[in-house]
Amino acid sequence: MPSPPHRARVDLPEWMRHPEPPRRTLGRRLSGLVDRVPALAAARRRMWAWRGRSRFGDRHPALAAIGSFVFVAVTATLLVVGTLYLAWAIRHQRI
């Protein structure tokens, strides 16, 4: 007995089964140019490697957290003291 023809589980529309090729946009043309020129392709790979490096905060999370806390505390203190000084100067008509 011959087996029945294979039938997909879902009937997809024709445009989903056979999509048209991607458009040749400016970004794809530039990417193709970079891939064709060896020096540009090497520079792209170096940039990807540089972007994939581990960050200081990833290597030393406790030290980064302490440094961030100190920075935020000093900045907030300076903003509050500056605001209080401006309020004092305005009250005493220095400004």
PDB file of N, CA and C in Angstrom:
ATOM      1  N   MET A   1       0.838  -1.176   0.000  1.00  0.00           N
ATOM      2  CA  MET A   1       0.000   0.000   0.000  1.00  0.00           C
ATOM      3  C   MET A   1       0.887   1.245   0.000  1.00  0.00           C
ATOM      4  N   PRO A   2       0.736   2.147  -0.944  1.00  0.00           N
ATOM      5  CA  PRO A   2       1.582   3.352  -0.991  1.00  0.00           C
ATOM      6  C   PRO A   2       1.238   4.292   0.150  1.00  0.00           C
ATOM      7  N   SER A   3       2.282   4.975   0.628  1.00  0.00           N
ATOM      8  CA  SER A   3       2.058   5.913   1.737  1.00  0.00           C
ATOM      9  C   SER A   3       1.395   7.179   1.202  1.00  0.00           C
ATOM     10  N   PRO A   4       0.584   7.817   2.029  1.00  0.00           N
ATOM     11  CA  PRO A   4      -0.079   9.053   1.573  1.00  0.00           C
ATOM     12  C   PRO A   4       0.960  10.162   1.391  1.00  0.00           C
ATOM     13  N   PRO A   5       0.703  11.110   0.527  1.00  0.00           N
ATOM     14  CA  PRO A   5       1.677  12.199   0.323  1.00  0.00           C
ATOM     15  C   PRO A   5       1.857  12.999   1.617  1.00  0.00           C
ATOM     16  N   HIS A   6       3.072  13.471   1.792  1.00  0.00           N
ATOM     17  CA  HIS A   6       3.386  14.256   2.998  1.00  0.00           C
ATOM     18  C   HIS A   6       2.617  15.566   2.957  1.00  0.00           C
ATOM     19  N   ARG A   7       2.043  15.878   4.058  1.00  0.00           N
ATOM     20  CA  ARG A   7       1.280  17.118   4.156  1.00  0.00           C
ATOM     21  C   ARG A   7       1.784  17.894   5.370  1.00  0.00           C
ATOM     22  N   ALA A   8       2.021  19.162   5.181  1.00  0.00           N
ATOM     23  CA  ALA A   8       2.501  20.001   6.277  1.00  0.00           C
ATOM     24  C   ALA A   8       1.439  20.082   7.360  1.00  0.00           C
ATOM     25  N   ARG A   9       1.887  20.265   8.585  1.00  0.00           N
ATOM     26  CA  ARG A   9       0.941  20.376   9.697  1.00  0.00           C
ATOM     27  C   ARG A   9       0.090  21.625   9.594  1.00  0.00           C
ATOM     28  N   VAL A  10       0.688  22.668   9.067  1.00  0.00           N
ATOM     29  CA  VAL A  10      -0.023  23.931   8.921  1.00  0.00           C
ATOM     30  C   VAL A  10       0.097  24.347   7.461  1.00  0.00           C
ATOM     31  N   ASP A  11      -0.988  24.761   6.875  1.00  0.00           N
ATOM     32  CA  ASP A  11      -0.936  25.249   5.499  1.00  0.00           C
ATOM     33  C   ASP A  11      -0.469  26.697   5.518  1.00  0.00           C
ATOM     34  N   LEU A  12       0.783  26.892   5.118  1.00  0.00           N
ATOM     35  CA  LEU A  12       1.348  28.238   5.097  1.00  0.00           C
ATOM     36  C   LEU A  12       1.027  28.906   3.769  1.00  0.00           C
ATOM     37  N   PRO A  13       0.876  30.210   3.786  1.00  0.00           N
ATOM     38  CA  PRO A  13       0.677  30.904   2.514  1.00  0.00           C
ATOM     39  C   PRO A  13       1.942  30.825   1.659  1.00  0.00           C
ATOM     40  N   GLU A  14       1.771  31.035   0.396  1.00  0.00           N
ATOM     41  CA  GLU A  14       2.884  30.909  -0.554  1.00  0.00           C
ATOM     42  C   GLU A  14       4.014  31.884  -0.224  1.00  0.00           C
ATOM     43  N   TRP A  15       3.683  33.105   0.190  1.00  0.00           N
ATOM     44  CA  TRP A  15       4.731  34.088   0.469  1.00  0.00           C
ATOM     45  C   TRP A  15       5.572  33.693   1.674  1.00  0.00           C
ATOM     46  N   MET A  16       5.034  32.847   2.570  1.00  0.00           N
ATOM     47  CA  MET A  16       5.827  32.377   3.707  1.00  0.00           C
ATOM     48  C   MET A  16       6.675  31.173   3.313  1.00  0.00           C
ATOM     49  N   ARG A  17       6.180  30.361   2.410  1.00  0.00           N
ATOM     50  CA  ARG A  17       6.959  29.196   1.982  1.00  0.00           C
ATOM     51  C   ARG A  17       8.125  29.592   1.095  1.00  0.00           C
ATOM     52  N   HIS A  18       7.903  30.543   0.229  1.00  0.00           N
ATOM     53  CA  HIS A  18       8.939  30.981  -0.724  1.00  0.00           C
ATOM     54  C   HIS A  18       9.046  32.501  -0.659  1.00  0.00           C
ATOM     55  N   PRO A  19       9.690  33.034   0.378  1.00  0.00           N
ATOM     56  CA  PRO A  19       9.776  34.498   0.496  1.00  0.00           C
ATOM     57  C   PRO A  19      10.672  35.080  -0.579  1.00  0.00           C
ATOM     58  N   GLU A  20      10.423  36.327  -0.903  1.00  0.00           N
ATOM     59  CA  GLU A  20      11.264  36.979  -1.891  1.00  0.00           C
ATOM     60  C   GLU A  20      12.628  37.273  -1.284  1.00  0.00           C
ATOM     61  N   PRO A  21      13.665  37.377  -2.086  1.00  0.00           N
ATOM     62  CA  PRO A  21      15.002  37.624  -1.531  1.00  0.00           C
ATOM     63  C   PRO A  21      15.057  38.979  -0.835  1.00  0.00           C
ATOM     64  N   PRO A  22      15.950  39.116   0.142  1.00  0.00           N
ATOM     65  CA  PRO A  22      16.033  40.392   0.868  1.00  0.00           C
ATOM     66  C   PRO A  22      16.414  41.540  -0.064  1.00  0.00           C
ATOM     67  N   ARG A  23      15.897  42.704   0.255  1.00  0.00           N
ATOM     68  CA  ARG A  23      16.193  43.881  -0.564  1.00  0.00           C
ATOM     69  C   ARG A  23      17.644  44.295  -0.397  1.00  0.00           C
ATOM     70  N   ARG A  24      18.193  44.880  -1.424  1.00  0.00           N
ATOM     71  CA  ARG A  24      19.570  45.358  -1.384  1.00  0.00           C
ATOM     72  C   ARG A  24      19.574  46.780  -0.831  1.00  0.00           C
ATOM     73  N   THR A  25      19.504  46.900   0.474  1.00  0.00           N
ATOM     74  CA  THR A  25      19.498  48.213   1.104  1.00  0.00           C
ATOM     75  C   THR A  25      20.924  48.737   1.185  1.00  0.00           C
ATOM     76  N   LEU A  26      21.044  49.998   1.569  1.00  0.00           N
ATOM     77  CA  LEU A  26      22.368  50.612   1.690  1.00  0.00           C
ATOM     78  C   LEU A  26      23.211  49.880   2.734  1.00  0.00           C
ATOM     79  N   GLY A  27      22.580  49.502   3.857  1.00  0.00           N
ATOM     80  CA  GLY A  27      23.314  48.790   4.902  1.00  0.00           C
ATOM     81  C   GLY A  27      23.843  47.447   4.423  1.00  0.00           C
ATOM     82  N   ARG A  28      23.044  46.717   3.637  1.00  0.00           N
ATOM     83  CA  ARG A  28      23.505  45.424   3.121  1.00  0.00           C
ATOM     84  C   ARG A  28      24.592  45.600   2.083  1.00  0.00           C
ATOM     85  N   ARG A  29      24.493  46.650   1.277  1.00  0.00           N
ATOM     86  CA  ARG A  29      25.560  46.912   0.296  1.00  0.00           C
ATOM     87  C   ARG A  29      26.864  47.248   1.000  1.00  0.00           C
ATOM     88  N   LEU A  30      26.786  48.091   2.046  1.00  0.00           N
ATOM     89  CA  LEU A  30      28.007  48.436   2.788  1.00  0.00           C
ATOM     90  C   LEU A  30      28.588  47.216   3.490  1.00  0.00           C
ATOM     91  N   SER A  31      27.725  46.372   4.037  1.00  0.00           N
ATOM     92  CA  SER A  31      28.208  45.160   4.689  1.00  0.00           C
ATOM     93  C   SER A  31      28.893  44.242   3.688  1.00  0.00           C
ATOM     94  N   GLY A  32      28.326  44.130   2.492  1.00  0.00           N
ATOM     95  CA  GLY A  32      28.970  43.328   1.445  1.00  0.00           C
ATOM     96  C   GLY A  32      30.314  43.897   1.051  1.00  0.00           C
ATOM     97  N   LEU A  33      30.420  45.235   0.970  1.00  0.00           N
ATOM     98  CA  LEU A  33      31.692  45.873   0.645  1.00  0.00           C
ATOM     99  C   LEU A  33      32.726  45.576   1.727  1.00  0.00           C
ATOM    100  N   VAL A  34      32.316  45.685   2.981  1.00  0.00           N
ATOM    101  CA  VAL A  34      33.242  45.407   4.083  1.00  0.00           C
ATOM    102  C   VAL A  34      33.708  43.951   4.027  1.00  0.00           C
ATOM    103  N   ASP A  35      32.801  43.041   3.697  1.00  0.00           N
ATOM    104  CA  ASP A  35      33.178  41.626   3.615  1.00  0.00           C
ATOM    105  C   ASP A  35      34.123  41.350   2.456  1.00  0.00           C
ATOM    106  N   ARG A  36      34.022  42.124   1.354  1.00  0.00           N
ATOM    107  CA  ARG A  36      34.878  41.884   0.192  1.00  0.00           C
ATOM    108  C   ARG A  36      36.282  42.442   0.370  1.00  0.00           C
ATOM    109  N   VAL A  37      36.449  43.494   1.168  1.00  0.00           N
ATOM    110  CA  VAL A  37      37.763  44.118   1.365  1.00  0.00           C
ATOM    111  C   VAL A  37      38.400  43.514   2.611  1.00  0.00           C
ATOM    112  N   PRO A  38      39.527  42.792   2.455  1.00  0.00           N
ATOM    113  CA  PRO A  38      40.110  42.087   3.614  1.00  0.00           C
ATOM    114  C   PRO A  38      40.477  43.003   4.785  1.00  0.00           C
ATOM    115  N   ALA A  39      40.995  44.183   4.506  1.00  0.00           N
ATOM    116  CA  ALA A  39      41.390  45.086   5.607  1.00  0.00           C
ATOM    117  C   ALA A  39      40.158  45.532   6.400  1.00  0.00           C
ATOM    118  N   LEU A  40      39.059  45.823   5.698  1.00  0.00           N
ATOM    119  CA  LEU A  40      37.846  46.238   6.392  1.00  0.00           C
ATOM    120  C   LEU A  40      37.232  45.084   7.174  1.00  0.00           C
ATOM    121  N   ALA A  41      37.289  43.878   6.599  1.00  0.00           N
ATOM    122  CA  ALA A  41      36.750  42.715   7.309  1.00  0.00           C
ATOM    123  C   ALA A  41      37.559  42.451   8.581  1.00  0.00           C
ATOM    124  N   ALA A  42      38.883  42.608   8.500  1.00  0.00           N
ATOM    125  CA  ALA A  42      39.726  42.407   9.688  1.00  0.00           C
ATOM    126  C   ALA A  42      39.415  43.475  10.742  1.00  0.00           C
ATOM    127  N   ALA A  43      39.211  44.714  10.303  1.00  0.00           N
ATOM    128  CA  ALA A  43      38.872  45.784  11.256  1.00  0.00           C
ATOM    129  C   ALA A  43      37.527  45.499  11.912  1.00  0.00           C
ATOM    130  N   ARG A  44      36.568  44.980  11.155  1.00  0.00           N
ATOM    131  CA  ARG A  44      35.267  44.638  11.726  1.00  0.00           C
ATOM    132  C   ARG A  44      35.406  43.542  12.772  1.00  0.00           C
ATOM    133  N   ARG A  45      36.222  42.527  12.492  1.00  0.00           N
ATOM    134  CA  ARG A  45      36.428  41.451  13.472  1.00  0.00           C
ATOM    135  C   ARG A  45      37.129  41.958  14.721  1.00  0.00           C
ATOM    136  N   ARG A  46      38.107  42.872  14.559  1.00  0.00           N
ATOM    137  CA  ARG A  46      38.779  43.453  15.733  1.00  0.00           C
ATOM    138  C   ARG A  46      37.801  44.263  16.571  1.00  0.00           C
ATOM    139  N   MET A  47      36.900  45.006  15.903  1.00  0.00           N
ATOM    140  CA  MET A  47      35.919  45.798  16.645  1.00  0.00           C
ATOM    141  C   MET A  47      34.961  44.878  17.399  1.00  0.00           C
ATOM    142  N   TRP A  48      34.538  43.785  16.765  1.00  0.00           N
ATOM    143  CA  TRP A  48      33.652  42.836  17.450  1.00  0.00           C
ATOM    144  C   TRP A  48      34.358  42.225  18.657  1.00  0.00           C
ATOM    145  N   ALA A  49      35.651  41.895  18.509  1.00  0.00           N
ATOM    146  CA  ALA A  49      36.407  41.326  19.628  1.00  0.00           C
ATOM    147  C   ALA A  49      36.544  42.352  20.752  1.00  0.00           C
ATOM    148  N   TRP A  50      36.774  43.623  20.386  1.00  0.00           N
ATOM    149  CA  TRP A  50      36.910  44.662  21.396  1.00  0.00           C
ATOM    150  C   TRP A  50      35.594  44.864  22.134  1.00  0.00           C
ATOM    151  N   ARG A  51      34.464  44.837  21.406  1.00  0.00           N
ATOM    152  CA  ARG A  51      33.163  45.021  22.048  1.00  0.00           C
ATOM    153  C   ARG A  51      32.788  43.829  22.917  1.00  0.00           C
ATOM    154  N   GLY A  52      33.342  42.642  22.616  1.00  0.00           N
ATOM    155  CA  GLY A  52      33.004  41.458  23.384  1.00  0.00           C
ATOM    156  C   GLY A  52      33.890  41.245  24.596  1.00  0.00           C
ATOM    157  N   ARG A  53      34.804  42.185  24.854  1.00  0.00           N
ATOM    158  CA  ARG A  53      35.712  42.009  25.990  1.00  0.00           C
ATOM    159  C   ARG A  53      34.937  42.091  27.301  1.00  0.00           C
ATOM    160  N   SER A  54      35.573  41.620  28.365  1.00  0.00           N
ATOM    161  CA  SER A  54      34.901  41.706  29.665  1.00  0.00           C
ATOM    162  C   SER A  54      35.143  43.094  30.255  1.00  0.00           C
ATOM    163  N   ARG A  55      34.152  43.641  30.841  1.00  0.00           N
ATOM    164  CA  ARG A  55      34.229  44.979  31.407  1.00  0.00           C
ATOM    165  C   ARG A  55      34.788  44.912  32.833  1.00  0.00           C
ATOM    166  N   PHE A  56      35.272  46.073  33.327  1.00  0.00           N
ATOM    167  CA  PHE A  56      35.843  46.130  34.668  1.00  0.00           C
ATOM    168  C   PHE A  56      34.806  45.725  35.708  1.00  0.00           C
ATOM    169  N   GLY A  57      33.558  46.192  35.534  1.00  0.00           N
ATOM    170  CA  GLY A  57      32.497  45.863  36.485  1.00  0.00           C
ATOM    171  C   GLY A  57      32.156  44.384  36.486  1.00  0.00           C
ATOM    172  N   ASP A  58      32.385  43.698  35.351  1.00  0.00           N
ATOM    173  CA  ASP A  58      32.160  42.253  35.301  1.00  0.00           C
ATOM    174  C   ASP A  58      33.273  41.489  36.010  1.00  0.00           C
ATOM    175  N   ARG A  59      34.497  42.001  35.889  1.00  0.00           N
ATOM    176  CA  ARG A  59      35.632  41.313  36.522  1.00  0.00           C
ATOM    177  C   ARG A  59      35.701  41.586  38.019  1.00  0.00           C
ATOM    178  N   HIS A  60      35.371  42.807  38.447  1.00  0.00           N
ATOM    179  CA  HIS A  60      35.474  43.210  39.857  1.00  0.00           C
ATOM    180  C   HIS A  60      34.161  43.853  40.299  1.00  0.00           C
ATOM    181  N   PRO A  61      33.110  43.077  40.497  1.00  0.00           N
ATOM    182  CA  PRO A  61      31.800  43.683  40.792  1.00  0.00           C
ATOM    183  C   PRO A  61      31.750  44.420  42.128  1.00  0.00           C
ATOM    184  N   ALA A  62      32.429  43.917  43.161  1.00  0.00           N
ATOM    185  CA  ALA A  62      32.376  44.571  44.473  1.00  0.00           C
ATOM    186  C   ALA A  62      33.081  45.927  44.419  1.00  0.00           C
ATOM    187  N   LEU A  63      34.243  45.971  43.795  1.00  0.00           N
ATOM    188  CA  LEU A  63      34.988  47.221  43.688  1.00  0.00           C
ATOM    189  C   LEU A  63      34.217  48.239  42.847  1.00  0.00           C
ATOM    190  N   ALA A  64      33.574  47.771  41.775  1.00  0.00           N
ATOM    191  CA  ALA A  64      32.774  48.675  40.944  1.00  0.00           C
ATOM    192  C   ALA A  64      31.573  49.208  41.725  1.00  0.00           C
ATOM    193  N   ALA A  65      30.948  48.379  42.539  1.00  0.00           N
ATOM    194  CA  ALA A  65      29.800  48.822  43.328  1.00  0.00           C
ATOM    195  C   ALA A  65      30.224  49.861  44.364  1.00  0.00           C
ATOM    196  N   ILE A  66      31.357  49.634  45.028  1.00  0.00           N
ATOM    197  CA  ILE A  66      31.840  50.597  46.027  1.00  0.00           C
ATOM    198  C   ILE A  66      32.202  51.918  45.357  1.00  0.00           C
ATOM    199  N   GLY A  67      32.886  51.845  44.234  1.00  0.00           N
ATOM    200  CA  GLY A  67      33.248  53.062  43.505  1.00  0.00           C
ATOM    201  C   GLY A  67      32.022  53.834  43.036  1.00  0.00           C
ATOM    202  N   SER A  68      31.020  53.116  42.546  1.00  0.00           N
ATOM    203  CA  SER A  68      29.775  53.771  42.113  1.00  0.00           C
ATOM    204  C   SER A  68      29.076  54.436  43.281  1.00  0.00           C
ATOM    205  N   PHE A  69      29.031  53.754  44.431  1.00  0.00           N
ATOM    206  CA  PHE A  69      28.383  54.327  45.606  1.00  0.00           C
ATOM    207  C   PHE A  69      29.083  55.613  46.037  1.00  0.00           C
ATOM    208  N   VAL A  70      30.404  55.596  46.087  1.00  0.00           N
ATOM    209  CA  VAL A  70      31.158  56.785  46.500  1.00  0.00           C
ATOM    210  C   VAL A  70      30.904  57.930  45.521  1.00  0.00           C
ATOM    211  N   PHE A  71      30.932  57.637  44.226  1.00  0.00           N
ATOM    212  CA  PHE A  71      30.694  58.666  43.215  1.00  0.00           C
ATOM    213  C   PHE A  71      29.306  59.288  43.377  1.00  0.00           C
ATOM    214  N   VAL A  72      28.297  58.456  43.546  1.00  0.00           N
ATOM    215  CA  VAL A  72      26.931  58.957  43.687  1.00  0.00           C
ATOM    216  C   VAL A  72      26.772  59.742  44.989  1.00  0.00           C
ATOM    217  N   ALA A  73      27.381  59.264  46.067  1.00  0.00           N
ATOM    218  CA  ALA A  73      27.275  59.965  47.351  1.00  0.00           C
ATOM    219  C   ALA A  73      27.923  61.347  47.266  1.00  0.00           C
ATOM    220  N   VAL A  74      29.106  61.438  46.673  1.00  0.00           N
ATOM    221  CA  VAL A  74      29.795  62.723  46.553  1.00  0.00           C
ATOM    222  C   VAL A  74      28.997  63.662  45.652  1.00  0.00           C
ATOM    223  N   THR A  75      28.513  63.154  44.539  1.00  0.00           N
ATOM    224  CA  THR A  75      27.738  63.994  43.618  1.00  0.00           C
ATOM    225  C   THR A  75      26.467  64.510  44.276  1.00  0.00           C
ATOM    226  N   ALA A  76      25.743  63.634  44.969  1.00  0.00           N
ATOM    227  CA  ALA A  76      24.507  64.057  45.636  1.00  0.00           C
ATOM    228  C   ALA A  76      24.799  65.075  46.730  1.00  0.00           C
ATOM    229  N   THR A  77      25.872  64.863  47.486  1.00  0.00           N
ATOM    230  CA  THR A  77      26.232  65.809  48.545  1.00  0.00           C
ATOM    231  C   THR A  77      26.562  67.180  47.958  1.00  0.00           C
ATOM    232  N   LEU A  78      27.306  67.200  46.875  1.00  0.00           N
ATOM    233  CA  LEU A  78      27.646  68.476  46.234  1.00  0.00           C
ATOM    234  C   LEU A  78      26.391  69.181  45.705  1.00  0.00           C
ATOM    235  N   LEU A  79      25.464  68.436  45.148  1.00  0.00           N
ATOM    236  CA  LEU A  79      24.228  69.049  44.659  1.00  0.00           C
ATOM    237  C   LEU A  79      23.405  69.629  45.808  1.00  0.00           C
ATOM    238  N   VAL A  80      23.300  68.910  46.913  1.00  0.00           N
ATOM    239  CA  VAL A  80      22.521  69.395  48.057  1.00  0.00           C
ATOM    240  C   VAL A  80      23.191  70.614  48.669  1.00  0.00           C
ATOM    241  N   VAL A  81      24.501  70.563  48.865  1.00  0.00           N
ATOM    242  CA  VAL A  81      25.225  71.700  49.453  1.00  0.00           C
ATOM    243  C   VAL A  81      25.138  72.908  48.533  1.00  0.00           C
ATOM    244  N   GLY A  82      25.244  72.686  47.224  1.00  0.00           N
ATOM    245  CA  GLY A  82      25.115  73.799  46.278  1.00  0.00           C
ATOM    246  C   GLY A  82      23.737  74.420  46.315  1.00  0.00           C
ATOM    247  N   THR A  83      22.710  73.607  46.429  1.00  0.00           N
ATOM    248  CA  THR A  83      21.339  74.121  46.522  1.00  0.00           C
ATOM    249  C   THR A  83      21.151  74.920  47.806  1.00  0.00           C
ATOM    250  N   LEU A  84      21.664  74.403  48.918  1.00  0.00           N
ATOM    251  CA  LEU A  84      21.554  75.132  50.188  1.00  0.00           C
ATOM    252  C   LEU A  84      22.311  76.458  50.144  1.00  0.00           C
ATOM    253  N   TYR A  85      23.484  76.464  49.494  1.00  0.00           N
ATOM    254  CA  TYR A  85      24.247  77.702  49.370  1.00  0.00           C
ATOM    255  C   TYR A  85      23.480  78.722  48.537  1.00  0.00           C
ATOM    256  N   LEU A  86      22.879  78.261  47.429  1.00  0.00           N
ATOM    257  CA  LEU A  86      22.096  79.187  46.607  1.00  0.00           C
ATOM    258  C   LEU A  86      20.910  79.741  47.385  1.00  0.00           C
ATOM    259  N   ALA A  87      20.242  78.894  48.161  1.00  0.00           N
ATOM    260  CA  ALA A  87      19.113  79.368  48.966  1.00  0.00           C
ATOM    261  C   ALA A  87      19.595  80.395  49.982  1.00  0.00           C
ATOM    262  N   TRP A  88      20.727  80.145  50.629  1.00  0.00           N
ATOM    263  CA  TRP A  88      21.280  81.085  51.610  1.00  0.00           C
ATOM    264  C   TRP A  88      21.658  82.399  50.929  1.00  0.00           C
ATOM    265  N   ALA A  89      22.291  82.304  49.765  1.00  0.00           N
ATOM    266  CA  ALA A  89      22.711  83.524  49.050  1.00  0.00           C
ATOM    267  C   ALA A  89      21.514  84.341  48.598  1.00  0.00           C
ATOM    268  N   ILE A  90      20.446  83.694  48.190  1.00  0.00           N
ATOM    269  CA  ILE A  90      19.247  84.419  47.756  1.00  0.00           C
ATOM    270  C   ILE A  90      18.582  85.096  48.958  1.00  0.00           C
ATOM    271  N   ARG A  91      18.526  84.400  50.101  1.00  0.00           N
ATOM    272  CA  ARG A  91      17.900  84.986  51.300  1.00  0.00           C
ATOM    273  C   ARG A  91      18.691  86.207  51.807  1.00  0.00           C
ATOM    274  N   HIS A  92      19.993  86.148  51.698  1.00  0.00           N
ATOM    275  CA  HIS A  92      20.811  87.250  52.180  1.00  0.00           C
ATOM    276  C   HIS A  92      21.131  88.244  51.068  1.00  0.00           C
ATOM    277  N   GLN A  93      20.423  88.145  49.966  1.00  0.00           N
ATOM    278  CA  GLN A  93      20.526  89.054  48.834  1.00  0.00           C
ATOM    279  C   GLN A  93      21.966  89.207  48.323  1.00  0.00           C
ATOM    280  N   ARG A  94      22.644  88.126  48.270  1.00  0.00           N
ATOM    281  CA  ARG A  94      23.990  88.125  47.693  1.00  0.00           C
ATOM    282  C   ARG A  94      23.928  87.867  46.185  1.00  0.00           C
ATOM    283  N   ILE A  95      22.808  87.327  45.768  1.00  0.00           N
ATOM    284  CA  ILE A  95      22.638  87.030  44.336  1.00  0.00           C
ATOM    285  C   ILE A  95      21.490  87.877  43.813  1.00  0.00           C
TER     286      ILE A  95
END
